[in-house]
């Protein structure tokens, strides 16, 4: 595997790419949808909801937590996850700033 050379890009570009990683797998998108809908969950709920194996769910939760888009609290032998509202707002703002840079063509032609 090659070197990524992230140092060639701005901090904002690197942060956007990292945030986009949260959405690069349908299972992670489904987890995010479920957390948004329920506003919290226990890991076991996701296994039943998504029909994926526990280790698979755990791996996707680990990726989402590493990016900071979710946070978890330990409750006995279970971890309850929810959306991290501060990070969610940061990511939303970063993507909004990116998308807002494109002025929609008036005629529908762009090339």
PDB file of N, CA and C in Angstrom:
ATOM      1  N   UNK A   1       0.845  -1.165   0.000  1.00  0.00           N
ATOM      2  CA  UNK A   1       0.000   0.000   0.000  1.00  0.00           C
ATOM      3  C   UNK A   1       0.899   1.239   0.000  1.00  0.00           C
ATOM      4  N   UNK A   2       0.546   2.254  -0.756  1.00  0.00           N
ATOM      5  CA  UNK A   2       1.355   3.450  -0.891  1.00  0.00           C
ATOM      6  C   UNK A   2       1.207   4.406   0.269  1.00  0.00           C
ATOM      7  N   UNK A   3       2.115   5.362   0.296  1.00  0.00           N
ATOM      8  CA  UNK A   3       2.086   6.412   1.302  1.00  0.00           C
ATOM      9  C   UNK A   3       0.978   7.396   0.939  1.00  0.00           C
ATOM     10  N   UNK A   4       0.216   7.858   1.925  1.00  0.00           N
ATOM     11  CA  UNK A   4      -0.939   8.706   1.633  1.00  0.00           C
ATOM     12  C   UNK A   4      -0.593  10.156   1.372  1.00  0.00           C
ATOM     13  N   UNK A   5       0.515  10.659   1.902  1.00  0.00           N
ATOM     14  CA  UNK A   5       0.954  12.033   1.698  1.00  0.00           C
ATOM     15  C   UNK A   5      -0.103  13.052   2.106  1.00  0.00           C
ATOM     16  N   UNK A   6      -0.735  12.841   3.253  1.00  0.00           N
ATOM     17  CA  UNK A   6      -1.751  13.773   3.723  1.00  0.00           C
ATOM     18  C   UNK A   6      -1.187  15.151   3.996  1.00  0.00           C
ATOM     19  N   UNK A   7       0.131  15.244   4.155  1.00  0.00           N
ATOM     20  CA  UNK A   7       0.746  16.541   4.412  1.00  0.00           C
ATOM     21  C   UNK A   7       0.654  17.477   3.201  1.00  0.00           C
ATOM     22  N   UNK A   8       0.304  16.952   2.040  1.00  0.00           N
ATOM     23  CA  UNK A   8       0.145  17.774   0.841  1.00  0.00           C
ATOM     24  C   UNK A   8      -1.170  18.563   0.844  1.00  0.00           C
ATOM     25  N   UNK A   9      -2.056  18.227   1.773  1.00  0.00           N
ATOM     26  CA  UNK A   9      -3.387  18.811   1.775  1.00  0.00           C
ATOM     27  C   UNK A   9      -3.606  19.644   3.024  1.00  0.00           C
ATOM     28  N   UNK A  10      -4.572  20.550   2.937  1.00  0.00           N
ATOM     29  CA  UNK A  10      -4.849  21.426   4.076  1.00  0.00           C
ATOM     30  C   UNK A  10      -5.474  20.634   5.221  1.00  0.00           C
ATOM     31  N   UNK A  11      -5.442  21.225   6.386  1.00  0.00           N
ATOM     32  CA  UNK A  11      -6.062  20.596   7.553  1.00  0.00           C
ATOM     33  C   UNK A  11      -7.555  20.367   7.302  1.00  0.00           C
ATOM     34  N   UNK A  12      -8.200  21.339   6.691  1.00  0.00           N
ATOM     35  CA  UNK A  12      -9.630  21.222   6.378  1.00  0.00           C
ATOM     36  C   UNK A  12      -9.881  20.066   5.418  1.00  0.00           C
ATOM     37  N   UNK A  13      -9.061  19.935   4.388  1.00  0.00           N
ATOM     38  CA  UNK A  13      -9.230  18.838   3.432  1.00  0.00           C
ATOM     39  C   UNK A  13      -9.018  17.482   4.106  1.00  0.00           C
ATOM     40  N   UNK A  14      -8.032  17.399   4.965  1.00  0.00           N
ATOM     41  CA  UNK A  14      -7.799  16.147   5.686  1.00  0.00           C
ATOM     42  C   UNK A  14      -8.940  15.828   6.640  1.00  0.00           C
ATOM     43  N   UNK A  15      -9.467  16.834   7.320  1.00  0.00           N
ATOM     44  CA  UNK A  15     -10.592  16.613   8.236  1.00  0.00           C
ATOM     45  C   UNK A  15     -11.845  16.181   7.480  1.00  0.00           C
ATOM     46  N   UNK A  16     -12.108  16.794   6.330  1.00  0.00           N
ATOM     47  CA  UNK A  16     -13.270  16.397   5.523  1.00  0.00           C
ATOM     48  C   UNK A  16     -13.134  14.956   5.044  1.00  0.00           C
ATOM     49  N   UNK A  17     -11.949  14.584   4.611  1.00  0.00           N
ATOM     50  CA  UNK A  17     -11.721  13.211   4.150  1.00  0.00           C
ATOM     51  C   UNK A  17     -11.923  12.211   5.284  1.00  0.00           C
ATOM     52  N   UNK A  18     -11.440  12.570   6.466  1.00  0.00           N
ATOM     53  CA  UNK A  18     -11.610  11.696   7.617  1.00  0.00           C
ATOM     54  C   UNK A  18     -13.090  11.575   7.992  1.00  0.00           C
ATOM     55  N   UNK A  19     -13.803  12.699   7.960  1.00  0.00           N
ATOM     56  CA  UNK A  19     -15.233  12.663   8.274  1.00  0.00           C
ATOM     57  C   UNK A  19     -15.998  11.854   7.235  1.00  0.00           C
ATOM     58  N   UNK A  20     -15.603  11.984   5.975  1.00  0.00           N
ATOM     59  CA  UNK A  20     -16.281  11.233   4.914  1.00  0.00           C
ATOM     60  C   UNK A  20     -16.118   9.730   5.119  1.00  0.00           C
ATOM     61  N   UNK A  21     -15.040   9.340   5.778  1.00  0.00           N
ATOM     62  CA  UNK A  21     -14.809   7.919   6.050  1.00  0.00           C
ATOM     63  C   UNK A  21     -15.949   7.326   6.886  1.00  0.00           C
ATOM     64  N   UNK A  22     -16.575   8.151   7.700  1.00  0.00           N
ATOM     65  CA  UNK A  22     -17.700   7.677   8.509  1.00  0.00           C
ATOM     66  C   UNK A  22     -18.850   7.192   7.633  1.00  0.00           C
ATOM     67  N   UNK A  23     -18.929   7.727   6.430  1.00  0.00           N
ATOM     68  CA  UNK A  23     -20.043   7.406   5.545  1.00  0.00           C
ATOM     69  C   UNK A  23     -19.634   6.487   4.401  1.00  0.00           C
ATOM     70  N   UNK A  24     -18.437   5.891   4.463  1.00  0.00           N
ATOM     71  CA  UNK A  24     -17.952   5.108   3.334  1.00  0.00           C
ATOM     72  C   UNK A  24     -18.397   3.648   3.353  1.00  0.00           C
ATOM     73  N   UNK A  25     -19.211   3.269   4.302  1.00  0.00           N
ATOM     74  CA  UNK A  25     -19.732   1.902   4.342  1.00  0.00           C
ATOM     75  C   UNK A  25     -21.207   1.954   4.728  1.00  0.00           C
ATOM     76  N   UNK A  26     -22.053   1.226   4.021  1.00  0.00           N
ATOM     77  CA  UNK A  26     -23.485   1.273   4.324  1.00  0.00           C
ATOM     78  C   UNK A  26     -23.831   0.860   5.752  1.00  0.00           C
ATOM     79  N   UNK A  27     -23.035  -0.016   6.345  1.00  0.00           N
ATOM     80  CA  UNK A  27     -23.302  -0.416   7.734  1.00  0.00           C
ATOM     81  C   UNK A  27     -23.116   0.771   8.672  1.00  0.00           C
ATOM     82  N   UNK A  28     -22.098   1.599   8.410  1.00  0.00           N
ATOM     83  CA  UNK A  28     -21.881   2.768   9.261  1.00  0.00           C
ATOM     84  C   UNK A  28     -22.988   3.793   9.058  1.00  0.00           C
ATOM     85  N   UNK A  29     -23.437   3.941   7.835  1.00  0.00           N
ATOM     86  CA  UNK A  29     -24.564   4.850   7.570  1.00  0.00           C
ATOM     87  C   UNK A  29     -25.804   4.340   8.297  1.00  0.00           C
ATOM     88  N   UNK A  30     -26.035   3.033   8.262  1.00  0.00           N
ATOM     89  CA  UNK A  30     -27.187   2.442   8.963  1.00  0.00           C
ATOM     90  C   UNK A  30     -27.065   2.647  10.470  1.00  0.00           C
ATOM     91  N   UNK A  31     -25.869   2.504  11.010  1.00  0.00           N
ATOM     92  CA  UNK A  31     -25.660   2.734  12.442  1.00  0.00           C
ATOM     93  C   UNK A  31     -25.972   4.180  12.786  1.00  0.00           C
ATOM     94  N   UNK A  32     -25.477   5.108  11.972  1.00  0.00           N
ATOM     95  CA  UNK A  32     -25.745   6.529  12.207  1.00  0.00           C
ATOM     96  C   UNK A  32     -27.241   6.805  12.130  1.00  0.00           C
ATOM     97  N   UNK A  33     -27.911   6.255  11.117  1.00  0.00           N
ATOM     98  CA  UNK A  33     -29.374   6.424  11.016  1.00  0.00           C
ATOM     99  C   UNK A  33     -30.069   5.918  12.275  1.00  0.00           C
ATOM    100  N   UNK A  34     -29.668   4.739  12.744  1.00  0.00           N
ATOM    101  CA  UNK A  34     -30.290   4.152  13.928  1.00  0.00           C
ATOM    102  C   UNK A  34     -30.060   5.020  15.161  1.00  0.00           C
ATOM    103  N   UNK A  35     -28.827   5.525  15.313  1.00  0.00           N
ATOM    104  CA  UNK A  35     -28.527   6.379  16.465  1.00  0.00           C
ATOM    105  C   UNK A  35     -29.302   7.694  16.396  1.00  0.00           C
ATOM    106  N   UNK A  36     -29.437   8.251  15.211  1.00  0.00           N
ATOM    107  CA  UNK A  36     -30.214   9.484  15.058  1.00  0.00           C
ATOM    108  C   UNK A  36     -31.688   9.250  15.404  1.00  0.00           C
ATOM    109  N   UNK A  37     -32.191   8.101  14.980  1.00  0.00           N
ATOM    110  CA  UNK A  37     -33.595   7.765  15.236  1.00  0.00           C
ATOM    111  C   UNK A  37     -33.857   7.493  16.713  1.00  0.00           C
ATOM    112  N   UNK A  38     -32.955   6.746  17.349  1.00  0.00           N
ATOM    113  CA  UNK A  38     -33.192   6.331  18.728  1.00  0.00           C
ATOM    114  C   UNK A  38     -32.550   7.253  19.754  1.00  0.00           C
ATOM    115  N   UNK A  39     -31.610   8.074  19.329  1.00  0.00           N
ATOM    116  CA  UNK A  39     -30.900   9.026  20.177  1.00  0.00           C
ATOM    117  C   UNK A  39     -30.001   8.340  21.205  1.00  0.00           C
ATOM    118  N   UNK A  40     -29.885   7.046  21.182  1.00  0.00           N
ATOM    119  CA  UNK A  40     -28.968   6.255  22.004  1.00  0.00           C
ATOM    120  C   UNK A  40     -29.265   4.793  21.710  1.00  0.00           C
ATOM    121  N   UNK A  41     -28.328   3.948  21.996  1.00  0.00           N
ATOM    122  CA  UNK A  41     -28.604   2.520  21.822  1.00  0.00           C
ATOM    123  C   UNK A  41     -27.590   1.722  22.608  1.00  0.00           C
ATOM    124  N   UNK A  42     -27.856   0.474  22.708  1.00  0.00           N
ATOM    125  CA  UNK A  42     -26.910  -0.469  23.289  1.00  0.00           C
ATOM    126  C   UNK A  42     -26.443  -1.342  22.137  1.00  0.00           C
ATOM    127  N   UNK A  43     -25.197  -1.699  22.148  1.00  0.00           N
ATOM    128  CA  UNK A  43     -24.584  -2.441  21.063  1.00  0.00           C
ATOM    129  C   UNK A  43     -25.434  -3.632  20.605  1.00  0.00           C
ATOM    130  N   UNK A  44     -26.029  -4.348  21.530  1.00  0.00           N
ATOM    131  CA  UNK A  44     -26.864  -5.499  21.189  1.00  0.00           C
ATOM    132  C   UNK A  44     -28.064  -5.127  20.342  1.00  0.00           C
ATOM    133  N   UNK A  45     -28.600  -3.938  20.543  1.00  0.00           N
ATOM    134  CA  UNK A  45     -29.722  -3.468  19.731  1.00  0.00           C
ATOM    135  C   UNK A  45     -29.333  -3.381  18.265  1.00  0.00           C
ATOM    136  N   UNK A  46     -28.118  -2.972  17.998  1.00  0.00           N
ATOM    137  CA  UNK A  46     -27.659  -2.835  16.621  1.00  0.00           C
ATOM    138  C   UNK A  46     -27.550  -4.190  15.932  1.00  0.00           C
ATOM    139  N   UNK A  47     -27.141  -5.204  16.663  1.00  0.00           N
ATOM    140  CA  UNK A  47     -27.046  -6.544  16.088  1.00  0.00           C
ATOM    141  C   UNK A  47     -28.428  -6.987  15.616  1.00  0.00           C
ATOM    142  N   UNK A  48     -29.432  -6.775  16.450  1.00  0.00           N
ATOM    143  CA  UNK A  48     -30.802  -7.145  16.072  1.00  0.00           C
ATOM    144  C   UNK A  48     -31.331  -6.251  14.956  1.00  0.00           C
ATOM    145  N   UNK A  49     -31.061  -4.975  15.031  1.00  0.00           N
ATOM    146  CA  UNK A  49     -31.575  -4.008  14.059  1.00  0.00           C
ATOM    147  C   UNK A  49     -30.974  -4.214  12.671  1.00  0.00           C
ATOM    148  N   UNK A  50     -29.663  -4.419  12.602  1.00  0.00           N
ATOM    149  CA  UNK A  50     -28.981  -4.482  11.312  1.00  0.00           C
ATOM    150  C   UNK A  50     -28.771  -5.898  10.794  1.00  0.00           C
ATOM    151  N   UNK A  51     -28.841  -6.875  11.678  1.00  0.00           N
ATOM    152  CA  UNK A  51     -28.648  -8.260  11.248  1.00  0.00           C
ATOM    153  C   UNK A  51     -27.203  -8.622  10.954  1.00  0.00           C
ATOM    154  N   UNK A  52     -26.278  -7.825  11.450  1.00  0.00           N
ATOM    155  CA  UNK A  52     -24.855  -8.120  11.277  1.00  0.00           C
ATOM    156  C   UNK A  52     -24.308  -8.770  12.535  1.00  0.00           C
ATOM    157  N   UNK A  53     -23.200  -9.448  12.396  1.00  0.00           N
ATOM    158  CA  UNK A  53     -22.567 -10.114  13.535  1.00  0.00           C
ATOM    159  C   UNK A  53     -22.013  -9.080  14.512  1.00  0.00           C
ATOM    160  N   UNK A  54     -21.961  -9.461  15.783  1.00  0.00           N
ATOM    161  CA  UNK A  54     -21.452  -8.581  16.836  1.00  0.00           C
ATOM    162  C   UNK A  54     -20.047  -8.044  16.530  1.00  0.00           C
ATOM    163  N   UNK A  55     -19.101  -8.888  16.093  1.00  0.00           N
ATOM    164  CA  UNK A  55     -17.764  -8.354  15.797  1.00  0.00           C
ATOM    165  C   UNK A  55     -17.776  -7.319  14.660  1.00  0.00           C
ATOM    166  N   UNK A  56     -18.648  -7.518  13.677  1.00  0.00           N
ATOM    167  CA  UNK A  56     -18.764  -6.571  12.572  1.00  0.00           C
ATOM    168  C   UNK A  56     -19.290  -5.234  13.074  1.00  0.00           C
ATOM    169  N   UNK A  57     -20.338  -5.276  13.876  1.00  0.00           N
ATOM    170  CA  UNK A  57     -20.899  -4.059  14.464  1.00  0.00           C
ATOM    171  C   UNK A  57     -19.839  -3.348  15.297  1.00  0.00           C
ATOM    172  N   UNK A  58     -19.120  -4.105  16.109  1.00  0.00           N
ATOM    173  CA  UNK A  58     -18.095  -3.518  16.969  1.00  0.00           C
ATOM    174  C   UNK A  58     -17.014  -2.816  16.154  1.00  0.00           C
ATOM    175  N   UNK A  59     -16.618  -3.410  15.039  1.00  0.00           N
ATOM    176  CA  UNK A  59     -15.603  -2.794  14.187  1.00  0.00           C
ATOM    177  C   UNK A  59     -16.103  -1.468  13.618  1.00  0.00           C
ATOM    178  N   UNK A  60     -17.340  -1.443  13.157  1.00  0.00           N
ATOM    179  CA  UNK A  60     -17.899  -0.205  12.602  1.00  0.00           C
ATOM    180  C   UNK A  60     -18.074   0.858  13.696  1.00  0.00           C
ATOM    181  N   UNK A  61     -18.493   0.440  14.875  1.00  0.00           N
ATOM    182  CA  UNK A  61     -18.600   1.385  15.991  1.00  0.00           C
ATOM    183  C   UNK A  61     -17.232   1.956  16.354  1.00  0.00           C
ATOM    184  N   UNK A  62     -16.218   1.121  16.308  1.00  0.00           N
ATOM    185  CA  UNK A  62     -14.859   1.575  16.605  1.00  0.00           C
ATOM    186  C   UNK A  62     -14.417   2.643  15.593  1.00  0.00           C
ATOM    187  N   UNK A  63     -14.724   2.430  14.321  1.00  0.00           N
ATOM    188  CA  UNK A  63     -14.384   3.411  13.284  1.00  0.00           C
ATOM    189  C   UNK A  63     -15.116   4.736  13.519  1.00  0.00           C
ATOM    190  N   UNK A  64     -16.395   4.650  13.821  1.00  0.00           N
ATOM    191  CA  UNK A  64     -17.182   5.866  14.058  1.00  0.00           C
ATOM    192  C   UNK A  64     -16.706   6.603  15.300  1.00  0.00           C
ATOM    193  N   UNK A  65     -16.335   5.849  16.310  1.00  0.00           N
ATOM    194  CA  UNK A  65     -15.847   6.473  17.541  1.00  0.00           C
ATOM    195  C   UNK A  65     -14.481   7.118  17.324  1.00  0.00           C
ATOM    196  N   UNK A  66     -13.632   6.477  16.527  1.00  0.00           N
ATOM    197  CA  UNK A  66     -12.307   7.032  16.236  1.00  0.00           C
ATOM    198  C   UNK A  66     -12.421   8.372  15.515  1.00  0.00           C
ATOM    199  N   UNK A  67     -13.413   8.512  14.678  1.00  0.00           N
ATOM    200  CA  UNK A  67     -13.643   9.756  13.950  1.00  0.00           C
ATOM    201  C   UNK A  67     -14.284  10.798  14.868  1.00  0.00           C
ATOM    202  N   UNK A  68     -14.898  10.326  15.942  1.00  0.00           N
ATOM    203  CA  UNK A  68     -15.508  11.231  16.907  1.00  0.00           C
ATOM    204  C   UNK A  68     -16.974  11.511  16.668  1.00  0.00           C
ATOM    205  N   UNK A  69     -17.561  10.854  15.677  1.00  0.00           N
ATOM    206  CA  UNK A  69     -18.958  11.130  15.337  1.00  0.00           C
ATOM    207  C   UNK A  69     -19.929  10.503  16.335  1.00  0.00           C
ATOM    208  N   UNK A  70     -19.452   9.473  17.058  1.00  0.00           N
ATOM    209  CA  UNK A  70     -20.263   8.890  18.120  1.00  0.00           C
ATOM    210  C   UNK A  70     -19.446   8.877  19.407  1.00  0.00           C
ATOM    211  N   UNK A  71     -20.164   8.744  20.505  1.00  0.00           N
ATOM    212  CA  UNK A  71     -19.529   8.609  21.819  1.00  0.00           C
ATOM    213  C   UNK A  71     -20.259   7.509  22.567  1.00  0.00           C
ATOM    214  N   UNK A  72     -19.552   6.904  23.494  1.00  0.00           N
ATOM    215  CA  UNK A  72     -20.145   5.805  24.238  1.00  0.00           C
ATOM    216  C   UNK A  72     -19.923   5.940  25.721  1.00  0.00           C
ATOM    217  N   UNK A  73     -20.877   5.409  26.471  1.00  0.00           N
ATOM    218  CA  UNK A  73     -20.750   5.365  27.923  1.00  0.00           C
ATOM    219  C   UNK A  73     -20.927   3.924  28.369  1.00  0.00           C
ATOM    220  N   UNK A  74     -20.129   3.529  29.337  1.00  0.00           N
ATOM    221  CA  UNK A  74     -20.183   2.161  29.839  1.00  0.00           C
ATOM    222  C   UNK A  74     -21.266   2.075  30.905  1.00  0.00           C
ATOM    223  N   UNK A  75     -22.153   1.100  30.723  1.00  0.00           N
ATOM    224  CA  UNK A  75     -23.239   0.839  31.673  1.00  0.00           C
ATOM    225  C   UNK A  75     -23.175  -0.638  32.036  1.00  0.00           C
ATOM    226  N   UNK A  76     -22.465  -0.941  33.099  1.00  0.00           N
ATOM    227  CA  UNK A  76     -22.275  -2.344  33.471  1.00  0.00           C
ATOM    228  C   UNK A  76     -21.389  -3.025  32.464  1.00  0.00           C
ATOM    229  N   UNK A  77     -21.895  -4.076  31.840  1.00  0.00           N
ATOM    230  CA  UNK A  77     -21.114  -4.794  30.835  1.00  0.00           C
ATOM    231  C   UNK A  77     -21.438  -4.329  29.414  1.00  0.00           C
ATOM    232  N   UNK A  78     -22.245  -3.299  29.290  1.00  0.00           N
ATOM    233  CA  UNK A  78     -22.656  -2.804  27.978  1.00  0.00           C
ATOM    234  C   UNK A  78     -22.153  -1.384  27.760  1.00  0.00           C
ATOM    235  N   UNK A  79     -22.019  -1.042  26.504  1.00  0.00           N
ATOM    236  CA  UNK A  79     -21.675   0.326  26.137  1.00  0.00           C
ATOM    237  C   UNK A  79     -22.854   0.905  25.375  1.00  0.00           C
ATOM    238  N   UNK A  80     -23.308   2.053  25.807  1.00  0.00           N
ATOM    239  CA  UNK A  80     -24.403   2.746  25.145  1.00  0.00           C
ATOM    240  C   UNK A  80     -23.817   3.854  24.284  1.00  0.00           C
ATOM    241  N   UNK A  81     -24.145   3.846  23.003  1.00  0.00           N
ATOM    242  CA  UNK A  81     -23.601   4.818  22.062  1.00  0.00           C
ATOM    243  C   UNK A  81     -24.651   5.841  21.675  1.00  0.00           C
ATOM    244  N   UNK A  82     -24.173   7.041  21.357  1.00  0.00           N
ATOM    245  CA  UNK A  82     -25.044   8.085  20.824  1.00  0.00           C
ATOM    246  C   UNK A  82     -24.211   8.991  19.922  1.00  0.00           C
ATOM    247  N   UNK A  83     -24.888   9.832  19.171  1.00  0.00           N
ATOM    248  CA  UNK A  83     -24.219  10.815  18.321  1.00  0.00           C
ATOM    249  C   UNK A  83     -23.524  11.832  19.226  1.00  0.00           C
ATOM    250  N   UNK A  84     -22.294  12.183  18.881  1.00  0.00           N
ATOM    251  CA  UNK A  84     -21.585  13.246  19.591  1.00  0.00           C
ATOM    252  C   UNK A  84     -22.048  14.570  18.982  1.00  0.00           C
ATOM    253  N   UNK A  85     -22.884  15.342  19.697  1.00  0.00           N
ATOM    254  CA  UNK A  85     -23.500  16.527  19.090  1.00  0.00           C
ATOM    255  C   UNK A  85     -22.497  17.591  18.659  1.00  0.00           C
ATOM    256  N   UNK A  86     -21.403  17.741  19.378  1.00  0.00           N
ATOM    257  CA  UNK A  86     -20.405  18.753  19.023  1.00  0.00           C
ATOM    258  C   UNK A  86     -19.718  18.360  17.714  1.00  0.00           C
ATOM    259  N   UNK A  87     -19.274  17.117  17.643  1.00  0.00           N
ATOM    260  CA  UNK A  87     -18.586  16.655  16.425  1.00  0.00           C
ATOM    261  C   UNK A  87     -19.542  16.611  15.241  1.00  0.00           C
ATOM    262  N   UNK A  88     -20.779  16.221  15.482  1.00  0.00           N
ATOM    263  CA  UNK A  88     -21.792  16.181  14.421  1.00  0.00           C
ATOM    264  C   UNK A  88     -21.951  17.575  13.810  1.00  0.00           C
ATOM    265  N   UNK A  89     -22.037  18.597  14.647  1.00  0.00           N
ATOM    266  CA  UNK A  89     -22.179  19.975  14.164  1.00  0.00           C
ATOM    267  C   UNK A  89     -20.940  20.406  13.382  1.00  0.00           C
ATOM    268  N   UNK A  90     -19.753  20.018  13.861  1.00  0.00           N
ATOM    269  CA  UNK A  90     -18.514  20.364  13.150  1.00  0.00           C
ATOM    270  C   UNK A  90     -18.495  19.743  11.759  1.00  0.00           C
ATOM    271  N   UNK A  91     -18.833  18.473  11.682  1.00  0.00           N
ATOM    272  CA  UNK A  91     -18.825  17.771  10.398  1.00  0.00           C
ATOM    273  C   UNK A  91     -19.878  18.360   9.472  1.00  0.00           C
ATOM    274  N   UNK A  92     -21.059  18.607   9.993  1.00  0.00           N
ATOM    275  CA  UNK A  92     -22.125  19.211   9.174  1.00  0.00           C
ATOM    276  C   UNK A  92     -21.668  20.549   8.617  1.00  0.00           C
ATOM    277  N   UNK A  93     -21.046  21.379   9.452  1.00  0.00           N
ATOM    278  CA  UNK A  93     -20.572  22.685   9.005  1.00  0.00           C
ATOM    279  C   UNK A  93     -19.482  22.562   7.948  1.00  0.00           C
ATOM    280  N   UNK A  94     -18.568  21.613   8.130  1.00  0.00           N
ATOM    281  CA  UNK A  94     -17.501  21.413   7.141  1.00  0.00           C
ATOM    282  C   UNK A  94     -18.072  21.030   5.779  1.00  0.00           C
ATOM    283  N   UNK A  95     -19.029  20.107   5.778  1.00  0.00           N
ATOM    284  CA  UNK A  95     -19.626  19.699   4.503  1.00  0.00           C
ATOM    285  C   UNK A  95     -20.486  20.812   3.914  1.00  0.00           C
ATOM    286  N   UNK A  96     -21.212  21.528   4.748  1.00  0.00           N
ATOM    287  CA  UNK A  96     -22.013  22.648   4.243  1.00  0.00           C
ATOM    288  C   UNK A  96     -21.128  23.701   3.587  1.00  0.00           C
ATOM    289  N   UNK A  97     -19.996  24.009   4.198  1.00  0.00           N
ATOM    290  CA  UNK A  97     -19.072  24.979   3.613  1.00  0.00           C
ATOM    291  C   UNK A  97     -18.558  24.490   2.264  1.00  0.00           C
ATOM    292  N   UNK A  98     -18.259  23.210   2.161  1.00  0.00           N
ATOM    293  CA  UNK A  98     -17.802  22.650   0.893  1.00  0.00           C
ATOM    294  C   UNK A  98     -18.898  22.742  -0.161  1.00  0.00           C
ATOM    295  N   UNK A  99     -20.098  22.277   0.170  1.00  0.00           N
ATOM    296  CA  UNK A  99     -21.183  22.259  -0.800  1.00  0.00           C
ATOM    297  C   UNK A  99     -21.642  23.668  -1.179  1.00  0.00           C
ATOM    298  N   UNK A 100     -21.561  24.596  -0.245  1.00  0.00           N
ATOM    299  CA  UNK A 100     -21.979  25.970  -0.525  1.00  0.00           C
ATOM    300  C   UNK A 100     -21.027  26.703  -1.458  1.00  0.00           C
ATOM    301  N   UNK A 101     -19.834  26.166  -1.682  1.00  0.00           N
ATOM    302  CA  UNK A 101     -18.880  26.798  -2.591  1.00  0.00           C
ATOM    303  C   UNK A 101     -19.280  26.655  -4.051  1.00  0.00           C
ATOM    304  N   UNK A 102     -20.161  25.726  -4.339  1.00  0.00           N
ATOM    305  CA  UNK A 102     -20.556  25.478  -5.727  1.00  0.00           C
ATOM    306  C   UNK A 102     -21.769  26.320  -6.080  1.00  0.00           C
ATOM    307  N   UNK A 103     -21.585  27.274  -6.975  1.00  0.00           N
ATOM    308  CA  UNK A 103     -22.742  28.049  -7.417  1.00  0.00           C
ATOM    309  C   UNK A 103     -23.493  27.247  -8.492  1.00  0.00           C
ATOM    310  N   UNK A 104     -24.686  26.871  -8.214  1.00  0.00           N
ATOM    311  CA  UNK A 104     -25.465  26.075  -9.143  1.00  0.00           C
ATOM    312  C   UNK A 104     -25.606  26.839 -10.465  1.00  0.00           C
ATOM    313  N   UNK A 105     -25.305  26.179 -11.590  1.00  0.00           N
ATOM    314  CA  UNK A 105     -25.428  26.849 -12.881  1.00  0.00           C
ATOM    315  C   UNK A 105     -26.885  27.228 -13.150  1.00  0.00           C
ATOM    316  N   UNK A 106     -27.066  28.391 -13.690  1.00  0.00           N
ATOM    317  CA  UNK A 106     -28.419  28.887 -13.965  1.00  0.00           C
ATOM    318  C   UNK A 106     -29.094  28.100 -15.078  1.00  0.00           C
ATOM    319  N   UNK A 107     -28.350  27.710 -16.095  1.00  0.00           N
ATOM    320  CA  UNK A 107     -28.963  27.068 -17.248  1.00  0.00           C
ATOM    321  C   UNK A 107     -28.916  25.544 -17.180  1.00  0.00           C
ATOM    322  N   UNK A 108     -28.236  24.992 -16.205  1.00  0.00           N
ATOM    323  CA  UNK A 108     -28.103  23.544 -16.136  1.00  0.00           C
ATOM    324  C   UNK A 108     -26.854  23.057 -16.835  1.00  0.00           C
ATOM    325  N   UNK A 109     -26.202  23.947 -17.597  1.00  0.00           N
ATOM    326  CA  UNK A 109     -24.949  23.585 -18.277  1.00  0.00           C
ATOM    327  C   UNK A 109     -23.780  23.952 -17.392  1.00  0.00           C
ATOM    328  N   UNK A 110     -22.786  23.107 -17.378  1.00  0.00           N
ATOM    329  CA  UNK A 110     -21.588  23.445 -16.619  1.00  0.00           C
ATOM    330  C   UNK A 110     -20.320  23.231 -17.433  1.00  0.00           C
ATOM    331  N   UNK A 111     -20.407  22.552 -18.550  1.00  0.00           N
ATOM    332  CA  UNK A 111     -19.208  22.300 -19.362  1.00  0.00           C
ATOM    333  C   UNK A 111     -19.442  22.732 -20.785  1.00  0.00           C
TER     334      UNK A 111
END
